[in-house]
Amino acid sequence: GYGLTADAVRAAVDRDVALGLVPLYLCATVGTTGLGAVDAVR
């Protein structure tokens, strides 16, 4: 439903950590502007 999933976040973060980057901040949205999508907050 165009919501952000844990698998997608996990994959992106793991790639960055492997490159020596530091995950800082993540936005979760309830009701996105374009489509009203809801991310998997938990």
Full PDB file with SEQRES, HELIX, SHEET, SSBOND, CRYST1, ORIGX, SCALE, CONECT and MASTER records, all heavy atoms in Angstrom:
SEQRES   1 A   42  GLY TYR GLY LEU THR ALA ASP ALA VAL ARG ALA ALA VAL          
SEQRES   2 A   42  ASP ARG ASP VAL ALA LEU GLY LEU VAL PRO LEU TYR LEU          
SEQRES   3 A   42  CYS ALA THR VAL GLY THR THR GLY LEU GLY ALA VAL ASP          
SEQRES   4 A   42  ALA VAL ARG                                                  
HELIX    1 AA1 ALA A    6  ALA A   18  1                                  13    
CRYST1    1.000    1.000    1.000  90.00  90.00  90.00 P 1           1          
ORIGX1      1.000000  0.000000  0.000000        0.00000                         
ORIGX2      0.000000  1.000000  0.000000        0.00000                         
ORIGX3      0.000000  0.000000  1.000000        0.00000                         
SCALE1      1.000000  0.000000  0.000000        0.00000                         
SCALE2      0.000000  1.000000  0.000000        0.00000                         
SCALE3      0.000000  0.000000  1.000000        0.00000                         
ATOM      1  N   GLY A   1       0.815  -1.211   0.000  1.00  0.00           N  
ATOM      2  CA  GLY A   1       0.000   0.000   0.000  1.00  0.00           C  
ATOM      3  C   GLY A   1       0.845   1.256   0.000  1.00  0.00           C  
ATOM      4  O   GLY A   1       0.413   2.310   0.460  1.00  0.00           O  
ATOM      5  N   TYR A   2       2.089   1.132  -0.500  1.00  0.00           N  
ATOM      6  CA  TYR A   2       3.064   2.230  -0.550  1.00  0.00           C  
ATOM      7  C   TYR A   2       3.498   2.693   0.832  1.00  0.00           C  
ATOM      8  O   TYR A   2       3.988   3.804   1.006  1.00  0.00           O  
ATOM      9  CB  TYR A   2       2.543   3.394  -1.401  1.00  0.00           C  
ATOM     10  CG  TYR A   2       2.297   2.976  -2.823  1.00  0.00           C  
ATOM     11  CD1 TYR A   2       1.012   2.635  -3.256  1.00  0.00           C  
ATOM     12  CD2 TYR A   2       3.344   2.867  -3.727  1.00  0.00           C  
ATOM     13  CE1 TYR A   2       0.784   2.210  -4.561  1.00  0.00           C  
ATOM     14  CE2 TYR A   2       3.127   2.439  -5.030  1.00  0.00           C  
ATOM     15  CZ  TYR A   2       1.848   2.110  -5.441  1.00  0.00           C  
ATOM     16  OH  TYR A   2       1.629   1.678  -6.714  1.00  0.00           O  
ATOM     17  N   GLY A   3       3.323   1.807   1.826  1.00  0.00           N  
ATOM     18  CA  GLY A   3       3.859   2.069   3.154  1.00  0.00           C  
ATOM     19  C   GLY A   3       5.263   1.501   3.285  1.00  0.00           C  
ATOM     20  O   GLY A   3       5.641   0.540   2.595  1.00  0.00           O  
ATOM     21  N   LEU A   4       6.044   2.087   4.169  1.00  0.00           N  
ATOM     22  CA  LEU A   4       7.417   1.648   4.393  1.00  0.00           C  
ATOM     23  C   LEU A   4       7.408   0.358   5.213  1.00  0.00           C  
ATOM     24  O   LEU A   4       6.701   0.253   6.210  1.00  0.00           O  
ATOM     25  CB  LEU A   4       8.179   2.744   5.136  1.00  0.00           C  
ATOM     26  CG  LEU A   4       9.698   2.675   5.212  1.00  0.00           C  
ATOM     27  CD1 LEU A   4      10.315   2.611   3.829  1.00  0.00           C  
ATOM     28  CD2 LEU A   4      10.236   3.886   5.976  1.00  0.00           C  
ATOM     29  N   THR A   5       8.192  -0.640   4.781  1.00  0.00           N  
ATOM     30  CA  THR A   5       8.232  -1.926   5.468  1.00  0.00           C  
ATOM     31  C   THR A   5       9.557  -2.110   6.209  1.00  0.00           C  
ATOM     32  O   THR A   5      10.577  -1.505   5.866  1.00  0.00           O  
ATOM     33  CB  THR A   5       8.071  -3.088   4.475  1.00  0.00           C  
ATOM     34  OG1 THR A   5       9.208  -3.113   3.589  1.00  0.00           O  
ATOM     35  CG2 THR A   5       6.791  -2.941   3.663  1.00  0.00           C  
ATOM     36  N   ALA A   6       9.525  -2.993   7.215  1.00  0.00           N  
ATOM     37  CA  ALA A   6      10.728  -3.253   7.993  1.00  0.00           C  
ATOM     38  C   ALA A   6      11.815  -3.891   7.139  1.00  0.00           C  
ATOM     39  O   ALA A   6      13.006  -3.585   7.288  1.00  0.00           O  
ATOM     40  CB  ALA A   6      10.384  -4.154   9.179  1.00  0.00           C  
ATOM     41  N   ASP A   7      11.437  -4.781   6.227  1.00  0.00           N  
ATOM     42  CA  ASP A   7      12.440  -5.444   5.384  1.00  0.00           C  
ATOM     43  C   ASP A   7      13.190  -4.434   4.534  1.00  0.00           C  
ATOM     44  O   ASP A   7      14.419  -4.519   4.376  1.00  0.00           O  
ATOM     45  CB  ASP A   7      11.768  -6.484   4.480  1.00  0.00           C  
ATOM     46  CG  ASP A   7      11.337  -7.730   5.243  1.00  0.00           C  
ATOM     47  OD1 ASP A   7      11.817  -7.920   6.378  1.00  0.00           O  
ATOM     48  OD2 ASP A   7      10.507  -8.491   4.707  1.00  0.00           O  
ATOM     49  N   ALA A   8      12.456  -3.462   3.981  1.00  0.00           N  
ATOM     50  CA  ALA A   8      13.096  -2.453   3.138  1.00  0.00           C  
ATOM     51  C   ALA A   8      14.031  -1.574   3.962  1.00  0.00           C  
ATOM     52  O   ALA A   8      15.143  -1.239   3.526  1.00  0.00           O  
ATOM     53  CB  ALA A   8      12.039  -1.602   2.447  1.00  0.00           C  
ATOM     54  N   VAL A   9      13.599  -1.196   5.169  1.00  0.00           N  
ATOM     55  CA  VAL A   9      14.445  -0.366   6.032  1.00  0.00           C  
ATOM     56  C   VAL A   9      15.680  -1.148   6.452  1.00  0.00           C  
ATOM     57  O   VAL A   9      16.814  -0.638   6.411  1.00  0.00           O  
ATOM     58  CB  VAL A   9      13.652   0.112   7.267  1.00  0.00           C  
ATOM     59  CG1 VAL A   9      14.586   0.840   8.238  1.00  0.00           C  
ATOM     60  CG2 VAL A   9      12.504   1.013   6.862  1.00  0.00           C  
ATOM     61  N   ARG A  10      15.481  -2.387   6.838  1.00  0.00           N  
ATOM     62  CA  ARG A  10      16.590  -3.213   7.313  1.00  0.00           C  
ATOM     63  C   ARG A  10      17.647  -3.384   6.221  1.00  0.00           C  
ATOM     64  O   ARG A  10      18.858  -3.265   6.484  1.00  0.00           O  
ATOM     65  CB  ARG A  10      16.056  -4.571   7.763  1.00  0.00           C  
ATOM     66  CG  ARG A  10      17.068  -5.420   8.522  1.00  0.00           C  
ATOM     67  CD  ARG A  10      16.445  -6.735   8.964  1.00  0.00           C  
ATOM     68  NE  ARG A  10      15.329  -6.514   9.881  1.00  0.00           N  
ATOM     69  CZ  ARG A  10      14.044  -6.740   9.578  1.00  0.00           C  
ATOM     70  NH1 ARG A  10      13.709  -7.196   8.378  1.00  0.00           N  
ATOM     71  NH2 ARG A  10      13.105  -6.526  10.467  1.00  0.00           N  
ATOM     72  N   ALA A  11      17.200  -3.621   5.006  1.00  0.00           N  
ATOM     73  CA  ALA A  11      18.147  -3.810   3.914  1.00  0.00           C  
ATOM     74  C   ALA A  11      18.957  -2.545   3.656  1.00  0.00           C  
ATOM     75  O   ALA A  11      20.182  -2.594   3.459  1.00  0.00           O  
ATOM     76  CB  ALA A  11      17.400  -4.233   2.651  1.00  0.00           C  
ATOM     77  N   ALA A  12      18.278  -1.383   3.668  1.00  0.00           N  
ATOM     78  CA  ALA A  12      18.976  -0.114   3.416  1.00  0.00           C  
ATOM     79  C   ALA A  12      19.974   0.190   4.530  1.00  0.00           C  
ATOM     80  O   ALA A  12      21.117   0.610   4.258  1.00  0.00           O  
ATOM     81  CB  ALA A  12      17.956   1.014   3.294  1.00  0.00           C  
ATOM     82  N   VAL A  13      19.569  -0.022   5.772  1.00  0.00           N  
ATOM     83  CA  VAL A  13      20.452   0.276   6.905  1.00  0.00           C  
ATOM     84  C   VAL A  13      21.644  -0.670   6.927  1.00  0.00           C  
ATOM     85  O   VAL A  13      22.789  -0.250   7.162  1.00  0.00           O  
ATOM     86  CB  VAL A  13      19.653   0.199   8.220  1.00  0.00           C  
ATOM     87  CG1 VAL A  13      20.590   0.302   9.421  1.00  0.00           C  
ATOM     88  CG2 VAL A  13      18.613   1.312   8.272  1.00  0.00           C  
ATOM     89  N   ASP A  14      21.405  -1.964   6.676  1.00  0.00           N  
ATOM     90  CA  ASP A  14      22.521  -2.923   6.696  1.00  0.00           C  
ATOM     91  C   ASP A  14      23.554  -2.579   5.631  1.00  0.00           C  
ATOM     92  O   ASP A  14      24.776  -2.702   5.873  1.00  0.00           O  
ATOM     93  CB  ASP A  14      21.989  -4.343   6.476  1.00  0.00           C  
ATOM     94  CG  ASP A  14      21.250  -4.886   7.699  1.00  0.00           C  
ATOM     95  OD1 ASP A  14      21.354  -4.267   8.772  1.00  0.00           O  
ATOM     96  OD2 ASP A  14      20.571  -5.923   7.562  1.00  0.00           O  
ATOM     97  N   ARG A  15      23.105  -2.140   4.457  1.00  0.00           N  
ATOM     98  CA  ARG A  15      24.058  -1.739   3.411  1.00  0.00           C  
ATOM     99  C   ARG A  15      24.916  -0.569   3.883  1.00  0.00           C  
ATOM    100  O   ARG A  15      26.132  -0.543   3.667  1.00  0.00           O  
ATOM    101  CB  ARG A  15      23.307  -1.352   2.132  1.00  0.00           C  
ATOM    102  CG  ARG A  15      22.820  -2.515   1.298  1.00  0.00           C  
ATOM    103  CD  ARG A  15      22.419  -2.060  -0.105  1.00  0.00           C  
ATOM    104  NE  ARG A  15      21.368  -1.038  -0.075  1.00  0.00           N  
ATOM    105  CZ  ARG A  15      20.076  -1.314  -0.090  1.00  0.00           C  
ATOM    106  NH1 ARG A  15      19.654  -2.574  -0.134  1.00  0.00           N  
ATOM    107  NH2 ARG A  15      19.188  -0.333  -0.075  1.00  0.00           N  
ATOM    108  N   ASP A  16      24.288   0.392   4.510  1.00  0.00           N  
ATOM    109  CA  ASP A  16      25.023   1.587   4.931  1.00  0.00           C  
ATOM    110  C   ASP A  16      25.993   1.283   6.075  1.00  0.00           C  
ATOM    111  O   ASP A  16      27.117   1.804   6.106  1.00  0.00           O  
ATOM    112  CB  ASP A  16      24.041   2.679   5.349  1.00  0.00           C  
ATOM    113  CG  ASP A  16      23.279   3.253   4.170  1.00  0.00           C  
ATOM    114  OD1 ASP A  16      23.753   3.102   3.031  1.00  0.00           O  
ATOM    115  OD2 ASP A  16      22.200   3.842   4.383  1.00  0.00           O  
ATOM    116  N   VAL A  17      25.561   0.450   7.012  1.00  0.00           N  
ATOM    117  CA  VAL A  17      26.444   0.094   8.123  1.00  0.00           C  
ATOM    118  C   VAL A  17      27.683  -0.626   7.598  1.00  0.00           C  
ATOM    119  O   VAL A  17      28.809  -0.394   8.064  1.00  0.00           O  
ATOM    120  CB  VAL A  17      25.682  -0.769   9.147  1.00  0.00           C  
ATOM    121  CG1 VAL A  17      26.643  -1.348  10.183  1.00  0.00           C  
ATOM    122  CG2 VAL A  17      24.607   0.063   9.846  1.00  0.00           C  
ATOM    123  N   ALA A  18      27.482  -1.472   6.602  1.00  0.00           N  
ATOM    124  CA  ALA A  18      28.619  -2.182   6.013  1.00  0.00           C  
ATOM    125  C   ALA A  18      29.611  -1.227   5.352  1.00  0.00           C  
ATOM    126  O   ALA A  18      30.806  -1.532   5.237  1.00  0.00           O  
ATOM    127  CB  ALA A  18      28.108  -3.205   4.991  1.00  0.00           C  
ATOM    128  N   LEU A  19      29.130  -0.070   4.937  1.00  0.00           N  
ATOM    129  CA  LEU A  19      29.989   0.943   4.318  1.00  0.00           C  
ATOM    130  C   LEU A  19      30.603   1.901   5.338  1.00  0.00           C  
ATOM    131  O   LEU A  19      31.305   2.848   4.975  1.00  0.00           O  
ATOM    132  CB  LEU A  19      29.185   1.753   3.288  1.00  0.00           C  
ATOM    133  CG  LEU A  19      28.704   0.982   2.058  1.00  0.00           C  
ATOM    134  CD1 LEU A  19      27.740   1.850   1.229  1.00  0.00           C  
ATOM    135  CD2 LEU A  19      29.883   0.533   1.206  1.00  0.00           C  
ATOM    136  N   GLY A  20      30.319   1.686   6.616  1.00  0.00           N  
ATOM    137  CA  GLY A  20      30.868   2.540   7.656  1.00  0.00           C  
ATOM    138  C   GLY A  20      30.037   3.773   7.956  1.00  0.00           C  
ATOM    139  O   GLY A  20      30.487   4.666   8.685  1.00  0.00           O  
ATOM    140  N   LEU A  21      28.825   3.849   7.411  1.00  0.00           N  
ATOM    141  CA  LEU A  21      27.944   4.969   7.688  1.00  0.00           C  
ATOM    142  C   LEU A  21      27.174   4.737   8.995  1.00  0.00           C  
ATOM    143  O   LEU A  21      27.114   3.607   9.500  1.00  0.00           O  
ATOM    144  CB  LEU A  21      26.973   5.176   6.525  1.00  0.00           C  
ATOM    145  CG  LEU A  21      27.631   5.498   5.178  1.00  0.00           C  
ATOM    146  CD1 LEU A  21      26.589   5.553   4.065  1.00  0.00           C  
ATOM    147  CD2 LEU A  21      28.404   6.815   5.258  1.00  0.00           C  
ATOM    148  N   VAL A  22      26.591   5.813   9.522  1.00  0.00           N  
ATOM    149  CA  VAL A  22      25.915   5.744  10.825  1.00  0.00           C  
ATOM    150  C   VAL A  22      24.443   6.102  10.658  1.00  0.00           C  
ATOM    151  O   VAL A  22      24.107   7.246  10.332  1.00  0.00           O  
ATOM    152  CB  VAL A  22      26.567   6.716  11.833  1.00  0.00           C  
ATOM    153  CG1 VAL A  22      25.841   6.649  13.177  1.00  0.00           C  
ATOM    154  CG2 VAL A  22      28.044   6.403  12.003  1.00  0.00           C  
ATOM    155  N   PRO A  23      23.540   5.170  10.847  1.00  0.00           N  
ATOM    156  CA  PRO A  23      22.107   5.482  10.778  1.00  0.00           C  
ATOM    157  C   PRO A  23      21.729   6.496  11.858  1.00  0.00           C  
ATOM    158  O   PRO A  23      22.021   6.288  13.043  1.00  0.00           O  
ATOM    159  CB  PRO A  23      21.428   4.128  11.025  1.00  0.00           C  
ATOM    160  CG  PRO A  23      22.470   3.103  10.717  1.00  0.00           C  
ATOM    161  CD  PRO A  23      23.779   3.732  11.099  1.00  0.00           C  
ATOM    162  N   LEU A  24      21.118   7.592  11.452  1.00  0.00           N  
ATOM    163  CA  LEU A  24      20.815   8.677  12.387  1.00  0.00           C  
ATOM    164  C   LEU A  24      19.335   8.808  12.670  1.00  0.00           C  
ATOM    165  O   LEU A  24      18.919   8.881  13.841  1.00  0.00           O  
ATOM    166  CB  LEU A  24      21.325  10.005  11.808  1.00  0.00           C  
ATOM    167  CG  LEU A  24      20.917  11.262  12.596  1.00  0.00           C  
ATOM    168  CD1 LEU A  24      21.631  11.312  13.932  1.00  0.00           C  
ATOM    169  CD2 LEU A  24      21.196  12.531  11.790  1.00  0.00           C  
ATOM    170  N   TYR A  25      18.503   8.824  11.631  1.00  0.00           N  
ATOM    171  CA  TYR A  25      17.128   9.321  11.788  1.00  0.00           C  
ATOM    172  C   TYR A  25      16.254   8.620  10.764  1.00  0.00           C  
ATOM    173  O   TYR A  25      16.636   8.460   9.598  1.00  0.00           O  
ATOM    174  CB  TYR A  25      17.138  10.825  11.539  1.00  0.00           C  
ATOM    175  CG  TYR A  25      15.854  11.602  11.770  1.00  0.00           C  
ATOM    176  CD1 TYR A  25      15.692  12.363  12.922  1.00  0.00           C  
ATOM    177  CD2 TYR A  25      14.847  11.635  10.814  1.00  0.00           C  
ATOM    178  CE1 TYR A  25      14.553  13.132  13.117  1.00  0.00           C  
ATOM    179  CE2 TYR A  25      13.697  12.395  11.012  1.00  0.00           C  
ATOM    180  CZ  TYR A  25      13.556  13.151  12.165  1.00  0.00           C  
ATOM    181  OH  TYR A  25      12.433  13.902  12.351  1.00  0.00           O  
ATOM    182  N   LEU A  26      15.089   8.198  11.203  1.00  0.00           N  
ATOM    183  CA  LEU A  26      14.135   7.520  10.328  1.00  0.00           C  
ATOM    184  C   LEU A  26      12.773   8.164  10.494  1.00  0.00           C  
ATOM    185  O   LEU A  26      12.295   8.349  11.614  1.00  0.00           O  
ATOM    186  CB  LEU A  26      14.051   6.032  10.695  1.00  0.00           C  
ATOM    187  CG  LEU A  26      12.951   5.207  10.030  1.00  0.00           C  
ATOM    188  CD1 LEU A  26      13.199   5.090   8.526  1.00  0.00           C  
ATOM    189  CD2 LEU A  26      12.874   3.822  10.667  1.00  0.00           C  
ATOM    190  N   CYS A  27      12.134   8.494   9.372  1.00  0.00           N  
ATOM    191  CA  CYS A  27      10.781   9.045   9.417  1.00  0.00           C  
ATOM    192  C   CYS A  27       9.779   7.940   9.130  1.00  0.00           C  
ATOM    193  O   CYS A  27       9.877   7.240   8.114  1.00  0.00           O  
ATOM    194  CB  CYS A  27      10.613  10.167   8.391  1.00  0.00           C  
ATOM    195  SG  CYS A  27       8.904  10.752   8.290  1.00  0.00           S  
ATOM    196  N   ALA A  28       8.815   7.778  10.015  1.00  0.00           N  
ATOM    197  CA  ALA A  28       7.652   6.924   9.775  1.00  0.00           C  
ATOM    198  C   ALA A  28       6.451   7.837   9.601  1.00  0.00           C  
ATOM    199  O   ALA A  28       6.312   8.830  10.320  1.00  0.00           O  
ATOM    200  CB  ALA A  28       7.433   5.974  10.951  1.00  0.00           C  
ATOM    201  N   THR A  29       5.583   7.513   8.651  1.00  0.00           N  
ATOM    202  CA  THR A  29       4.461   8.392   8.343  1.00  0.00           C  
ATOM    203  C   THR A  29       3.140   7.660   8.493  1.00  0.00           C  
ATOM    204  O   THR A  29       2.990   6.533   8.033  1.00  0.00           O  
ATOM    205  CB  THR A  29       4.564   8.952   6.911  1.00  0.00           C  
ATOM    206  OG1 THR A  29       5.849   9.556   6.736  1.00  0.00           O  
ATOM    207  CG2 THR A  29       3.485   9.990   6.651  1.00  0.00           C  
ATOM    208  N   VAL A  30       2.184   8.320   9.136  1.00  0.00           N  
ATOM    209  CA  VAL A  30       0.796   7.869   9.167  1.00  0.00           C  
ATOM    210  C   VAL A  30       0.000   8.853   8.322  1.00  0.00           C  
ATOM    211  O   VAL A  30      -0.295   9.962   8.753  1.00  0.00           O  
ATOM    212  CB  VAL A  30       0.257   7.808  10.606  1.00  0.00           C  
ATOM    213  CG1 VAL A  30      -1.235   7.484  10.612  1.00  0.00           C  
ATOM    214  CG2 VAL A  30       1.008   6.765  11.425  1.00  0.00           C  
ATOM    215  N   GLY A  31      -0.276   8.465   7.059  1.00  0.00           N  
ATOM    216  CA  GLY A  31      -1.021   9.329   6.151  1.00  0.00           C  
ATOM    217  C   GLY A  31      -0.110  10.175   5.286  1.00  0.00           C  
ATOM    218  O   GLY A  31      -0.006  11.388   5.482  1.00  0.00           O  
ATOM    219  N   THR A  32       0.546   9.563   4.299  1.00  0.00           N  
ATOM    220  CA  THR A  32       1.463  10.316   3.448  1.00  0.00           C  
ATOM    221  C   THR A  32       0.707  11.319   2.577  1.00  0.00           C  
ATOM    222  O   THR A  32      -0.494  11.172   2.327  1.00  0.00           O  
ATOM    223  CB  THR A  32       2.277   9.380   2.533  1.00  0.00           C  
ATOM    224  OG1 THR A  32       1.370   8.662   1.687  1.00  0.00           O  
ATOM    225  CG2 THR A  32       3.104   8.404   3.344  1.00  0.00           C  
ATOM    226  N   THR A  33       1.423  12.323   2.105  1.00  0.00           N  
ATOM    227  CA  THR A  33       0.789  13.418   1.371  1.00  0.00           C  
ATOM    228  C   THR A  33       0.187  12.959   0.051  1.00  0.00           C  
ATOM    229  O   THR A  33      -0.944  13.314  -0.283  1.00  0.00           O  
ATOM    230  CB  THR A  33       1.813  14.539   1.109  1.00  0.00           C  
ATOM    231  OG1 THR A  33       2.282  15.030   2.362  1.00  0.00           O  
ATOM    232  CG2 THR A  33       1.181  15.673   0.322  1.00  0.00           C  
ATOM    233  N   GLY A  34       0.919  12.171  -0.703  1.00  0.00           N  
ATOM    234  CA  GLY A  34       0.434  11.809  -2.026  1.00  0.00           C  
ATOM    235  C   GLY A  34      -0.714  10.833  -2.025  1.00  0.00           C  
ATOM    236  O   GLY A  34      -1.702  11.008  -2.745  1.00  0.00           O  
ATOM    237  N   LEU A  35      -0.618   9.792  -1.181  1.00  0.00           N  
ATOM    238  CA  LEU A  35      -1.555   8.670  -1.257  1.00  0.00           C  
ATOM    239  C   LEU A  35      -2.259   8.356   0.055  1.00  0.00           C  
ATOM    240  O   LEU A  35      -3.133   7.479   0.080  1.00  0.00           O  
ATOM    241  CB  LEU A  35      -0.804   7.410  -1.717  1.00  0.00           C  
ATOM    242  CG  LEU A  35      -0.092   7.491  -3.069  1.00  0.00           C  
ATOM    243  CD1 LEU A  35       0.780   6.257  -3.284  1.00  0.00           C  
ATOM    244  CD2 LEU A  35      -1.109   7.634  -4.202  1.00  0.00           C  
ATOM    245  N   GLY A  36      -1.869   9.011   1.145  1.00  0.00           N  
ATOM    246  CA  GLY A  36      -2.447   8.673   2.437  1.00  0.00           C  
ATOM    247  C   GLY A  36      -1.937   7.353   2.978  1.00  0.00           C  
ATOM    248  O   GLY A  36      -2.578   6.718   3.826  1.00  0.00           O  
ATOM    249  N   ALA A  37      -0.772   6.908   2.528  1.00  0.00           N  
ATOM    250  CA  ALA A  37      -0.218   5.619   2.947  1.00  0.00           C  
ATOM    251  C   ALA A  37       0.206   5.651   4.409  1.00  0.00           C  
ATOM    252  O   ALA A  37       0.498   6.712   4.976  1.00  0.00           O  
ATOM    253  CB  ALA A  37       0.975   5.246   2.063  1.00  0.00           C  
ATOM    254  N   VAL A  38       0.265   4.459   5.013  1.00  0.00           N  
ATOM    255  CA  VAL A  38       0.649   4.320   6.419  1.00  0.00           C  
ATOM    256  C   VAL A  38       1.817   3.349   6.510  1.00  0.00           C  
ATOM    257  O   VAL A  38       1.753   2.225   6.000  1.00  0.00           O  
ATOM    258  CB  VAL A  38      -0.530   3.809   7.267  1.00  0.00           C  
ATOM    259  CG1 VAL A  38      -0.082   3.572   8.711  1.00  0.00           C  
ATOM    260  CG2 VAL A  38      -1.684   4.814   7.235  1.00  0.00           C  
ATOM    261  N   ASP A  39       2.888   3.772   7.150  1.00  0.00           N  
ATOM    262  CA  ASP A  39       4.054   2.917   7.325  1.00  0.00           C  
ATOM    263  C   ASP A  39       3.829   1.909   8.448  1.00  0.00           C  
ATOM    264  O   ASP A  39       2.995   2.114   9.336  1.00  0.00           O  
ATOM    265  CB  ASP A  39       5.287   3.763   7.639  1.00  0.00           C  
ATOM    266  CG  ASP A  39       5.699   4.656   6.480  1.00  0.00           C  
ATOM    267  OD1 ASP A  39       5.302   4.357   5.334  1.00  0.00           O  
ATOM    268  OD2 ASP A  39       6.421   5.645   6.720  1.00  0.00           O  
ATOM    269  N   ALA A  40       4.594   0.830   8.413  1.00  0.00           N  
ATOM    270  CA  ALA A  40       4.520  -0.208   9.453  1.00  0.00           C  
ATOM    271  C   ALA A  40       5.303   0.276  10.671  1.00  0.00           C  
ATOM    272  O   ALA A  40       6.476  -0.052  10.860  1.00  0.00           O  
ATOM    273  CB  ALA A  40       5.094  -1.522   8.918  1.00  0.00           C  
ATOM    274  N   VAL A  41       4.644   1.079  11.505  1.00  0.00           N  
ATOM    275  CA  VAL A  41       5.336   1.815  12.569  1.00  0.00           C  
ATOM    276  C   VAL A  41       6.059   0.882  13.527  1.00  0.00           C  
ATOM    277  O   VAL A  41       7.246   1.094  13.836  1.00  0.00           O  
ATOM    278  CB  VAL A  41       4.339   2.708  13.327  1.00  0.00           C  
ATOM    279  CG1 VAL A  41       5.039   3.415  14.492  1.00  0.00           C  
ATOM    280  CG2 VAL A  41       3.714   3.730  12.384  1.00  0.00           C  
ATOM    281  N   ARG A  42       5.393  -0.142  14.020  1.00  0.00           N  
ATOM    282  CA  ARG A  42       6.050  -1.011  15.004  1.00  0.00           C  
ATOM    283  C   ARG A  42       7.262  -1.723  14.414  1.00  0.00           C  
ATOM    284  O   ARG A  42       8.334  -1.766  15.026  1.00  0.00           O  
ATOM    285  CB  ARG A  42       5.058  -2.031  15.552  1.00  0.00           C  
ATOM    286  CG  ARG A  42       5.699  -3.016  16.547  1.00  0.00           C  
ATOM    287  CD  ARG A  42       4.683  -3.847  17.279  1.00  0.00           C  
ATOM    288  NE  ARG A  42       3.804  -3.027  18.113  1.00  0.00           N  
ATOM    289  CZ  ARG A  42       4.145  -2.504  19.296  1.00  0.00           C  
ATOM    290  NH1 ARG A  42       5.368  -2.708  19.779  1.00  0.00           N  
ATOM    291  NH2 ARG A  42       3.292  -1.785  19.973  1.00  0.00           N  
TER     292      ARG A  42                                                      
MASTER        0    0    0    1    0    0    0    6  291    1    0    4          
END                                                                             
